[in-house]
Amino acid sequence: IGMFVGFAIPFGVQLAISIPLSFLMKGSKLGSILGT
């Protein structure tokens, strides 16, 4: 999730998207943050 958001979304709003996505998709919150 973090990797996807890291490439698809502009720098600066990535965390605001990756963290809620990790809740929705039941993924690691830490991983989604670090992946960005």
PDB file of all heavy atoms in Angstrom:
ATOM      1  N   ILE A   1       0.845  -1.198   0.000  1.00  0.00           N
ATOM      2  CA  ILE A   1       0.000   0.000   0.000  1.00  0.00           C
ATOM      3  C   ILE A   1       0.879   1.247   0.000  1.00  0.00           C
ATOM      4  O   ILE A   1       0.675   2.181  -0.784  1.00  0.00           O
ATOM      5  CB  ILE A   1      -0.950   0.010   1.212  1.00  0.00           C
ATOM      6  CG1 ILE A   1      -2.011  -1.084   1.076  1.00  0.00           C
ATOM      7  CG2 ILE A   1      -1.601   1.381   1.410  1.00  0.00           C
ATOM      8  CD1 ILE A   1      -2.768  -1.377   2.365  1.00  0.00           C
ATOM      9  N   GLY A   2       1.875   1.266   0.879  1.00  0.00           N
ATOM     10  CA  GLY A   2       2.789   2.405   0.950  1.00  0.00           C
ATOM     11  C   GLY A   2       3.547   2.623  -0.347  1.00  0.00           C
ATOM     12  O   GLY A   2       3.720   3.753  -0.801  1.00  0.00           O
ATOM     13  N   MET A   3       3.980   1.528  -0.953  1.00  0.00           N
ATOM     14  CA  MET A   3       4.718   1.632  -2.221  1.00  0.00           C
ATOM     15  C   MET A   3       3.811   2.196  -3.316  1.00  0.00           C
ATOM     16  O   MET A   3       4.213   3.072  -4.069  1.00  0.00           O
ATOM     17  CB  MET A   3       5.238   0.254  -2.629  1.00  0.00           C
ATOM     18  CG  MET A   3       6.028   0.241  -3.911  1.00  0.00           C
ATOM     19  SD  MET A   3       7.612   1.061  -3.837  1.00  0.00           S
ATOM     20  CE  MET A   3       8.532  -0.082  -2.842  1.00  0.00           C
ATOM     21  N   PHE A   4       2.580   1.696  -3.381  1.00  0.00           N
ATOM     22  CA  PHE A   4       1.642   2.180  -4.390  1.00  0.00           C
ATOM     23  C   PHE A   4       1.408   3.681  -4.224  1.00  0.00           C
ATOM     24  O   PHE A   4       1.514   4.453  -5.182  1.00  0.00           O
ATOM     25  CB  PHE A   4       0.314   1.417  -4.301  1.00  0.00           C
ATOM     26  CG  PHE A   4      -0.655   1.808  -5.374  1.00  0.00           C
ATOM     27  CD1 PHE A   4      -0.639   1.166  -6.601  1.00  0.00           C
ATOM     28  CD2 PHE A   4      -1.566   2.834  -5.173  1.00  0.00           C
ATOM     29  CE1 PHE A   4      -1.512   1.543  -7.613  1.00  0.00           C
ATOM     30  CE2 PHE A   4      -2.438   3.216  -6.173  1.00  0.00           C
ATOM     31  CZ  PHE A   4      -2.418   2.560  -7.396  1.00  0.00           C
ATOM     32  N   VAL A   5       1.103   4.083  -3.001  1.00  0.00           N
ATOM     33  CA  VAL A   5       0.831   5.496  -2.733  1.00  0.00           C
ATOM     34  C   VAL A   5       2.087   6.336  -2.977  1.00  0.00           C
ATOM     35  O   VAL A   5       2.003   7.452  -3.488  1.00  0.00           O
ATOM     36  CB  VAL A   5       0.289   5.676  -1.297  1.00  0.00           C
ATOM     37  CG1 VAL A   5       0.208   7.138  -0.904  1.00  0.00           C
ATOM     38  CG2 VAL A   5      -1.079   5.013  -1.164  1.00  0.00           C
ATOM     39  N   GLY A   6       3.244   5.786  -2.629  1.00  0.00           N
ATOM     40  CA  GLY A   6       4.501   6.508  -2.819  1.00  0.00           C
ATOM     41  C   GLY A   6       4.758   6.897  -4.258  1.00  0.00           C
ATOM     42  O   GLY A   6       5.327   7.957  -4.529  1.00  0.00           O
ATOM     43  N   PHE A   7       4.336   6.062  -5.188  1.00  0.00           N
ATOM     44  CA  PHE A   7       4.531   6.391  -6.602  1.00  0.00           C
ATOM     45  C   PHE A   7       3.334   7.122  -7.205  1.00  0.00           C
ATOM     46  O   PHE A   7       3.508   7.989  -8.048  1.00  0.00           O
ATOM     47  CB  PHE A   7       4.785   5.120  -7.424  1.00  0.00           C
ATOM     48  CG  PHE A   7       6.196   4.620  -7.330  1.00  0.00           C
ATOM     49  CD1 PHE A   7       6.459   3.375  -6.807  1.00  0.00           C
ATOM     50  CD2 PHE A   7       7.259   5.386  -7.775  1.00  0.00           C
ATOM     51  CE1 PHE A   7       7.754   2.899  -6.724  1.00  0.00           C
ATOM     52  CE2 PHE A   7       8.563   4.926  -7.692  1.00  0.00           C
ATOM     53  CZ  PHE A   7       8.807   3.673  -7.162  1.00  0.00           C
ATOM     54  N   ALA A   8       2.133   6.772  -6.807  1.00  0.00           N
ATOM     55  CA  ALA A   8       0.943   7.290  -7.480  1.00  0.00           C
ATOM     56  C   ALA A   8       0.488   8.659  -6.975  1.00  0.00           C
ATOM     57  O   ALA A   8      -0.195   9.381  -7.696  1.00  0.00           O
ATOM     58  CB  ALA A   8      -0.210   6.285  -7.340  1.00  0.00           C
ATOM     59  N   ILE A   9       0.848   9.010  -5.759  1.00  0.00           N
ATOM     60  CA  ILE A   9       0.363  10.246  -5.143  1.00  0.00           C
ATOM     61  C   ILE A   9       1.543  11.193  -4.918  1.00  0.00           C
ATOM     62  O   ILE A   9       2.610  10.761  -4.504  1.00  0.00           O
ATOM     63  CB  ILE A   9      -0.320   9.927  -3.779  1.00  0.00           C
ATOM     64  CG1 ILE A   9      -1.432   8.890  -3.951  1.00  0.00           C
ATOM     65  CG2 ILE A   9      -0.838  11.188  -3.116  1.00  0.00           C
ATOM     66  CD1 ILE A   9      -2.573   9.305  -4.838  1.00  0.00           C
ATOM     67  N   PRO A  10       1.359  12.491  -5.142  1.00  0.00           N
ATOM     68  CA  PRO A  10       2.452  13.447  -4.933  1.00  0.00           C
ATOM     69  C   PRO A  10       2.937  13.488  -3.482  1.00  0.00           C
ATOM     70  O   PRO A  10       2.161  13.297  -2.544  1.00  0.00           O
ATOM     71  CB  PRO A  10       1.846  14.798  -5.317  1.00  0.00           C
ATOM     72  CG  PRO A  10       0.690  14.473  -6.178  1.00  0.00           C
ATOM     73  CD  PRO A  10       0.181  13.146  -5.701  1.00  0.00           C
ATOM     74  N   PHE A  11       4.211  13.724  -3.349  1.00  0.00           N
ATOM     75  CA  PHE A  11       4.874  13.857  -2.062  1.00  0.00           C
ATOM     76  C   PHE A  11       4.170  14.934  -1.244  1.00  0.00           C
ATOM     77  O   PHE A  11       3.854  15.991  -1.740  1.00  0.00           O
ATOM     78  CB  PHE A  11       6.335  14.252  -2.333  1.00  0.00           C
ATOM     79  CG  PHE A  11       7.216  14.249  -1.150  1.00  0.00           C
ATOM     80  CD1 PHE A  11       7.718  13.066  -0.644  1.00  0.00           C
ATOM     81  CD2 PHE A  11       7.574  15.430  -0.537  1.00  0.00           C
ATOM     82  CE1 PHE A  11       8.558  13.060   0.438  1.00  0.00           C
ATOM     83  CE2 PHE A  11       8.421  15.437   0.557  1.00  0.00           C
ATOM     84  CZ  PHE A  11       8.907  14.252   1.047  1.00  0.00           C
ATOM     85  N   GLY A  12       3.915  14.652   0.007  1.00  0.00           N
ATOM     86  CA  GLY A  12       3.285  15.637   0.883  1.00  0.00           C
ATOM     87  C   GLY A  12       1.904  15.222   1.348  1.00  0.00           C
ATOM     88  O   GLY A  12       1.500  15.583   2.449  1.00  0.00           O
ATOM     89  N   VAL A  13       1.173  14.484   0.535  1.00  0.00           N
ATOM     90  CA  VAL A  13      -0.160  14.017   0.938  1.00  0.00           C
ATOM     91  C   VAL A  13      -0.211  12.486   1.008  1.00  0.00           C
ATOM     92  O   VAL A  13      -1.273  11.911   1.203  1.00  0.00           O
ATOM     93  CB  VAL A  13      -1.262  14.543  -0.016  1.00  0.00           C
ATOM     94  CG1 VAL A  13      -1.414  16.035   0.093  1.00  0.00           C
ATOM     95  CG2 VAL A  13      -1.001  14.118  -1.437  1.00  0.00           C
ATOM     96  N   GLN A  14       0.929  11.867   0.881  1.00  0.00           N
ATOM     97  CA  GLN A  14       0.974  10.402   0.822  1.00  0.00           C
ATOM     98  C   GLN A  14       0.500   9.750   2.116  1.00  0.00           C
ATOM     99  O   GLN A  14      -0.268   8.790   2.076  1.00  0.00           O
ATOM    100  CB  GLN A  14       2.388   9.939   0.483  1.00  0.00           C
ATOM    101  CG  GLN A  14       2.819  10.361  -0.888  1.00  0.00           C
ATOM    102  CD  GLN A  14       4.291  10.108  -1.143  1.00  0.00           C
ATOM    103  OE1 GLN A  14       5.072   9.922  -0.219  1.00  0.00           O
ATOM    104  NE2 GLN A  14       4.668  10.107  -2.402  1.00  0.00           N
ATOM    105  N   LEU A  15       0.949  10.246   3.254  1.00  0.00           N
ATOM    106  CA  LEU A  15       0.555   9.634   4.530  1.00  0.00           C
ATOM    107  C   LEU A  15      -0.934   9.783   4.788  1.00  0.00           C
ATOM    108  O   LEU A  15      -1.559   8.879   5.353  1.00  0.00           O
ATOM    109  CB  LEU A  15       1.357  10.230   5.689  1.00  0.00           C
ATOM    110  CG  LEU A  15       2.838   9.902   5.704  1.00  0.00           C
ATOM    111  CD1 LEU A  15       3.527  10.571   6.887  1.00  0.00           C
ATOM    112  CD2 LEU A  15       3.065   8.409   5.728  1.00  0.00           C
ATOM    113  N   ALA A  16      -1.495  10.906   4.371  1.00  0.00           N
ATOM    114  CA  ALA A  16      -2.931  11.127   4.561  1.00  0.00           C
ATOM    115  C   ALA A  16      -3.760  10.131   3.757  1.00  0.00           C
ATOM    116  O   ALA A  16      -4.927   9.909   4.062  1.00  0.00           O
ATOM    117  CB  ALA A  16      -3.296  12.551   4.157  1.00  0.00           C
ATOM    118  N   ILE A  17      -3.155   9.517   2.764  1.00  0.00           N
ATOM    119  CA  ILE A  17      -3.852   8.526   1.949  1.00  0.00           C
ATOM    120  C   ILE A  17      -3.464   7.107   2.344  1.00  0.00           C
ATOM    121  O   ILE A  17      -4.308   6.222   2.450  1.00  0.00           O
ATOM    122  CB  ILE A  17      -3.591   8.787   0.454  1.00  0.00           C
ATOM    123  CG1 ILE A  17      -4.232  10.119   0.070  1.00  0.00           C
ATOM    124  CG2 ILE A  17      -4.114   7.647  -0.413  1.00  0.00           C
ATOM    125  CD1 ILE A  17      -3.898  10.621  -1.292  1.00  0.00           C
ATOM    126  N   SER A  18      -2.178   6.868   2.605  1.00  0.00           N
ATOM    127  CA  SER A  18      -1.721   5.500   2.866  1.00  0.00           C
ATOM    128  C   SER A  18      -2.219   4.957   4.206  1.00  0.00           C
ATOM    129  O   SER A  18      -2.540   3.772   4.305  1.00  0.00           O
ATOM    130  CB  SER A  18      -0.199   5.396   2.786  1.00  0.00           C
ATOM    131  OG  SER A  18       0.413   6.035   3.869  1.00  0.00           O
ATOM    132  N   ILE A  19      -2.288   5.786   5.229  1.00  0.00           N
ATOM    133  CA  ILE A  19      -2.729   5.286   6.538  1.00  0.00           C
ATOM    134  C   ILE A  19      -4.203   4.859   6.509  1.00  0.00           C
ATOM    135  O   ILE A  19      -4.520   3.742   6.922  1.00  0.00           O
ATOM    136  CB  ILE A  19      -2.425   6.302   7.653  1.00  0.00           C
ATOM    137  CG1 ILE A  19      -0.904   6.446   7.793  1.00  0.00           C
ATOM    138  CG2 ILE A  19      -3.051   5.881   8.973  1.00  0.00           C
ATOM    139  CD1 ILE A  19      -0.454   7.562   8.702  1.00  0.00           C
ATOM    140  N   PRO A  20      -5.125   5.702   6.008  1.00  0.00           N
ATOM    141  CA  PRO A  20      -6.513   5.218   5.915  1.00  0.00           C
ATOM    142  C   PRO A  20      -6.653   3.991   5.008  1.00  0.00           C
ATOM    143  O   PRO A  20      -7.442   3.088   5.304  1.00  0.00           O
ATOM    144  CB  PRO A  20      -7.276   6.416   5.335  1.00  0.00           C
ATOM    145  CG  PRO A  20      -6.457   7.599   5.681  1.00  0.00           C
ATOM    146  CD  PRO A  20      -5.036   7.121   5.667  1.00  0.00           C
ATOM    147  N   LEU A  21      -5.880   3.943   3.919  1.00  0.00           N
ATOM    148  CA  LEU A  21      -5.928   2.766   3.050  1.00  0.00           C
ATOM    149  C   LEU A  21      -5.477   1.512   3.780  1.00  0.00           C
ATOM    150  O   LEU A  21      -6.028   0.433   3.564  1.00  0.00           O
ATOM    151  CB  LEU A  21      -5.054   2.973   1.807  1.00  0.00           C
ATOM    152  CG  LEU A  21      -5.688   3.646   0.616  1.00  0.00           C
ATOM    153  CD1 LEU A  21      -4.665   3.827  -0.505  1.00  0.00           C
ATOM    154  CD2 LEU A  21      -6.884   2.874   0.119  1.00  0.00           C
ATOM    155  N   SER A  22      -4.477   1.640   4.647  1.00  0.00           N
ATOM    156  CA  SER A  22      -4.002   0.470   5.383  1.00  0.00           C
ATOM    157  C   SER A  22      -5.072  -0.027   6.360  1.00  0.00           C
ATOM    158  O   SER A  22      -5.169  -1.224   6.606  1.00  0.00           O
ATOM    159  CB  SER A  22      -2.698   0.763   6.116  1.00  0.00           C
ATOM    160  OG  SER A  22      -2.882   1.708   7.140  1.00  0.00           O
ATOM    161  N   PHE A  23      -5.885   0.876   6.887  1.00  0.00           N
ATOM    162  CA  PHE A  23      -7.007   0.448   7.734  1.00  0.00           C
ATOM    163  C   PHE A  23      -8.062  -0.262   6.885  1.00  0.00           C
ATOM    164  O   PHE A  23      -8.565  -1.317   7.256  1.00  0.00           O
ATOM    165  CB  PHE A  23      -7.646   1.639   8.463  1.00  0.00           C
ATOM    166  CG  PHE A  23      -6.909   2.053   9.695  1.00  0.00           C
ATOM    167  CD1 PHE A  23      -6.059   3.149   9.673  1.00  0.00           C
ATOM    168  CD2 PHE A  23      -7.065   1.349  10.878  1.00  0.00           C
ATOM    169  CE1 PHE A  23      -5.377   3.534  10.819  1.00  0.00           C
ATOM    170  CE2 PHE A  23      -6.392   1.725  12.025  1.00  0.00           C
ATOM    171  CZ  PHE A  23      -5.539   2.822  11.994  1.00  0.00           C
ATOM    172  N   LEU A  24      -8.396   0.339   5.746  1.00  0.00           N
ATOM    173  CA  LEU A  24      -9.427  -0.232   4.873  1.00  0.00           C
ATOM    174  C   LEU A  24      -9.029  -1.599   4.310  1.00  0.00           C
ATOM    175  O   LEU A  24      -9.856  -2.495   4.202  1.00  0.00           O
ATOM    176  CB  LEU A  24      -9.735   0.712   3.710  1.00  0.00           C
ATOM    177  CG  LEU A  24     -10.528   1.963   4.042  1.00  0.00           C
ATOM    178  CD1 LEU A  24     -10.579   2.895   2.837  1.00  0.00           C
ATOM    179  CD2 LEU A  24     -11.931   1.599   4.478  1.00  0.00           C
ATOM    180  N   MET A  25      -7.756  -1.736   3.954  1.00  0.00           N
ATOM    181  CA  MET A  25      -7.292  -2.959   3.310  1.00  0.00           C
ATOM    182  C   MET A  25      -6.630  -3.928   4.291  1.00  0.00           C
ATOM    183  O   MET A  25      -6.055  -4.929   3.875  1.00  0.00           O
ATOM    184  CB  MET A  25      -6.341  -2.606   2.168  1.00  0.00           C
ATOM    185  CG  MET A  25      -7.019  -1.755   1.110  1.00  0.00           C
ATOM    186  SD  MET A  25      -5.923  -1.298  -0.218  1.00  0.00           S
ATOM    187  CE  MET A  25      -5.862  -2.838  -1.104  1.00  0.00           C
ATOM    188  N   LYS A  26      -6.718  -3.595   5.577  1.00  0.00           N
ATOM    189  CA  LYS A  26      -6.172  -4.439   6.632  1.00  0.00           C
ATOM    190  C   LYS A  26      -4.701  -4.786   6.402  1.00  0.00           C
ATOM    191  O   LYS A  26      -4.312  -5.946   6.342  1.00  0.00           O
ATOM    192  CB  LYS A  26      -7.021  -5.695   6.803  1.00  0.00           C
ATOM    193  CG  LYS A  26      -8.434  -5.402   7.264  1.00  0.00           C
ATOM    194  CD  LYS A  26      -9.228  -6.676   7.430  1.00  0.00           C
ATOM    195  CE  LYS A  26     -10.585  -6.498   7.989  1.00  0.00           C
ATOM    196  NZ  LYS A  26     -11.449  -5.517   7.574  1.00  0.00           N
ATOM    197  N   GLY A  27      -3.904  -3.738   6.274  1.00  0.00           N
ATOM    198  CA  GLY A  27      -2.467  -3.891   6.101  1.00  0.00           C
ATOM    199  C   GLY A  27      -1.732  -3.228   7.244  1.00  0.00           C
ATOM    200  O   GLY A  27      -2.308  -2.476   8.032  1.00  0.00           O
ATOM    201  N   SER A  28      -0.466  -3.501   7.350  1.00  0.00           N
ATOM    202  CA  SER A  28       0.388  -2.946   8.391  1.00  0.00           C
ATOM    203  C   SER A  28       0.456  -1.420   8.256  1.00  0.00           C
ATOM    204  O   SER A  28       0.789  -0.900   7.193  1.00  0.00           O
ATOM    205  CB  SER A  28       1.784  -3.542   8.277  1.00  0.00           C
ATOM    206  OG  SER A  28       2.698  -2.808   9.038  1.00  0.00           O
ATOM    207  N   LYS A  29       0.132  -0.736   9.349  1.00  0.00           N
ATOM    208  CA  LYS A  29       0.181   0.729   9.321  1.00  0.00           C
ATOM    209  C   LYS A  29       1.625   1.197   9.211  1.00  0.00           C
ATOM    210  O   LYS A  29       1.934   2.111   8.464  1.00  0.00           O
ATOM    211  CB  LYS A  29      -0.461   1.325  10.583  1.00  0.00           C
ATOM    212  CG  LYS A  29      -1.986   1.284  10.622  1.00  0.00           C
ATOM    213  CD  LYS A  29      -2.507  -0.049  10.359  1.00  0.00           C
ATOM    214  CE  LYS A  29      -3.975  -0.254  10.579  1.00  0.00           C
ATOM    215  NZ  LYS A  29      -4.341  -1.624  10.242  1.00  0.00           N
ATOM    216  N   LEU A  30       2.514   0.537   9.966  1.00  0.00           N
ATOM    217  CA  LEU A  30       3.928   0.877   9.895  1.00  0.00           C
ATOM    218  C   LEU A  30       4.465   0.652   8.484  1.00  0.00           C
ATOM    219  O   LEU A  30       5.173   1.494   7.939  1.00  0.00           O
ATOM    220  CB  LEU A  30       4.732   0.050  10.902  1.00  0.00           C
ATOM    221  CG  LEU A  30       6.236   0.245  10.875  1.00  0.00           C
ATOM    222  CD1 LEU A  30       6.595   1.666  11.288  1.00  0.00           C
ATOM    223  CD2 LEU A  30       6.920  -0.766  11.767  1.00  0.00           C
ATOM    224  N   GLY A  31       4.114  -0.471   7.883  1.00  0.00           N
ATOM    225  CA  GLY A  31       4.554  -0.767   6.523  1.00  0.00           C
ATOM    226  C   GLY A  31       4.037   0.247   5.524  1.00  0.00           C
ATOM    227  O   GLY A  31       4.753   0.660   4.603  1.00  0.00           O
ATOM    228  N   SER A  32       2.796   0.675   5.698  1.00  0.00           N
ATOM    229  CA  SER A  32       2.241   1.654   4.761  1.00  0.00           C
ATOM    230  C   SER A  32       2.933   3.000   4.888  1.00  0.00           C
ATOM    231  O   SER A  32       3.121   3.710   3.908  1.00  0.00           O
ATOM    232  CB  SER A  32       0.726   1.799   4.949  1.00  0.00           C
ATOM    233  OG  SER A  32       0.418   2.504   6.126  1.00  0.00           O
ATOM    234  N   ILE A  33       3.350   3.327   6.096  1.00  0.00           N
ATOM    235  CA  ILE A  33       4.084   4.580   6.299  1.00  0.00           C
ATOM    236  C   ILE A  33       5.482   4.475   5.697  1.00  0.00           C
ATOM    237  O   ILE A  33       5.913   5.337   4.923  1.00  0.00           O
ATOM    238  CB  ILE A  33       4.166   4.921   7.802  1.00  0.00           C
ATOM    239  CG1 ILE A  33       2.775   5.283   8.329  1.00  0.00           C
ATOM    240  CG2 ILE A  33       5.156   6.049   8.059  1.00  0.00           C
ATOM    241  CD1 ILE A  33       2.683   5.339   9.836  1.00  0.00           C
ATOM    242  N   LEU A  34       6.188   3.403   6.031  1.00  0.00           N
ATOM    243  CA  LEU A  34       7.557   3.243   5.543  1.00  0.00           C
ATOM    244  C   LEU A  34       7.603   3.037   4.029  1.00  0.00           C
ATOM    245  O   LEU A  34       8.544   3.465   3.373  1.00  0.00           O
ATOM    246  CB  LEU A  34       8.248   2.082   6.263  1.00  0.00           C
ATOM    247  CG  LEU A  34       8.473   2.279   7.763  1.00  0.00           C
ATOM    248  CD1 LEU A  34       9.074   1.023   8.382  1.00  0.00           C
ATOM    249  CD2 LEU A  34       9.334   3.487   8.041  1.00  0.00           C
ATOM    250  N   GLY A  35       6.581   2.394   3.473  1.00  0.00           N
ATOM    251  CA  GLY A  35       6.535   2.177   2.031  1.00  0.00           C
ATOM    252  C   GLY A  35       6.446   3.461   1.237  1.00  0.00           C
ATOM    253  O   GLY A  35       6.942   3.542   0.108  1.00  0.00           O
ATOM    254  N   THR A  36       5.840   4.483   1.825  1.00  0.00           N
ATOM    255  CA  THR A  36       5.747   5.764   1.106  1.00  0.00           C
ATOM    256  C   THR A  36       7.096   6.458   1.017  1.00  0.00           C
ATOM    257  O   THR A  36       7.276   7.370   0.205  1.00  0.00           O
ATOM    258  CB  THR A  36       4.748   6.736   1.769  1.00  0.00           C
ATOM    259  OG1 THR A  36       5.187   7.036   3.093  1.00  0.00           O
ATOM    260  CG2 THR A  36       3.350   6.172   1.796  1.00  0.00           C
TER     261      THR A  36
END
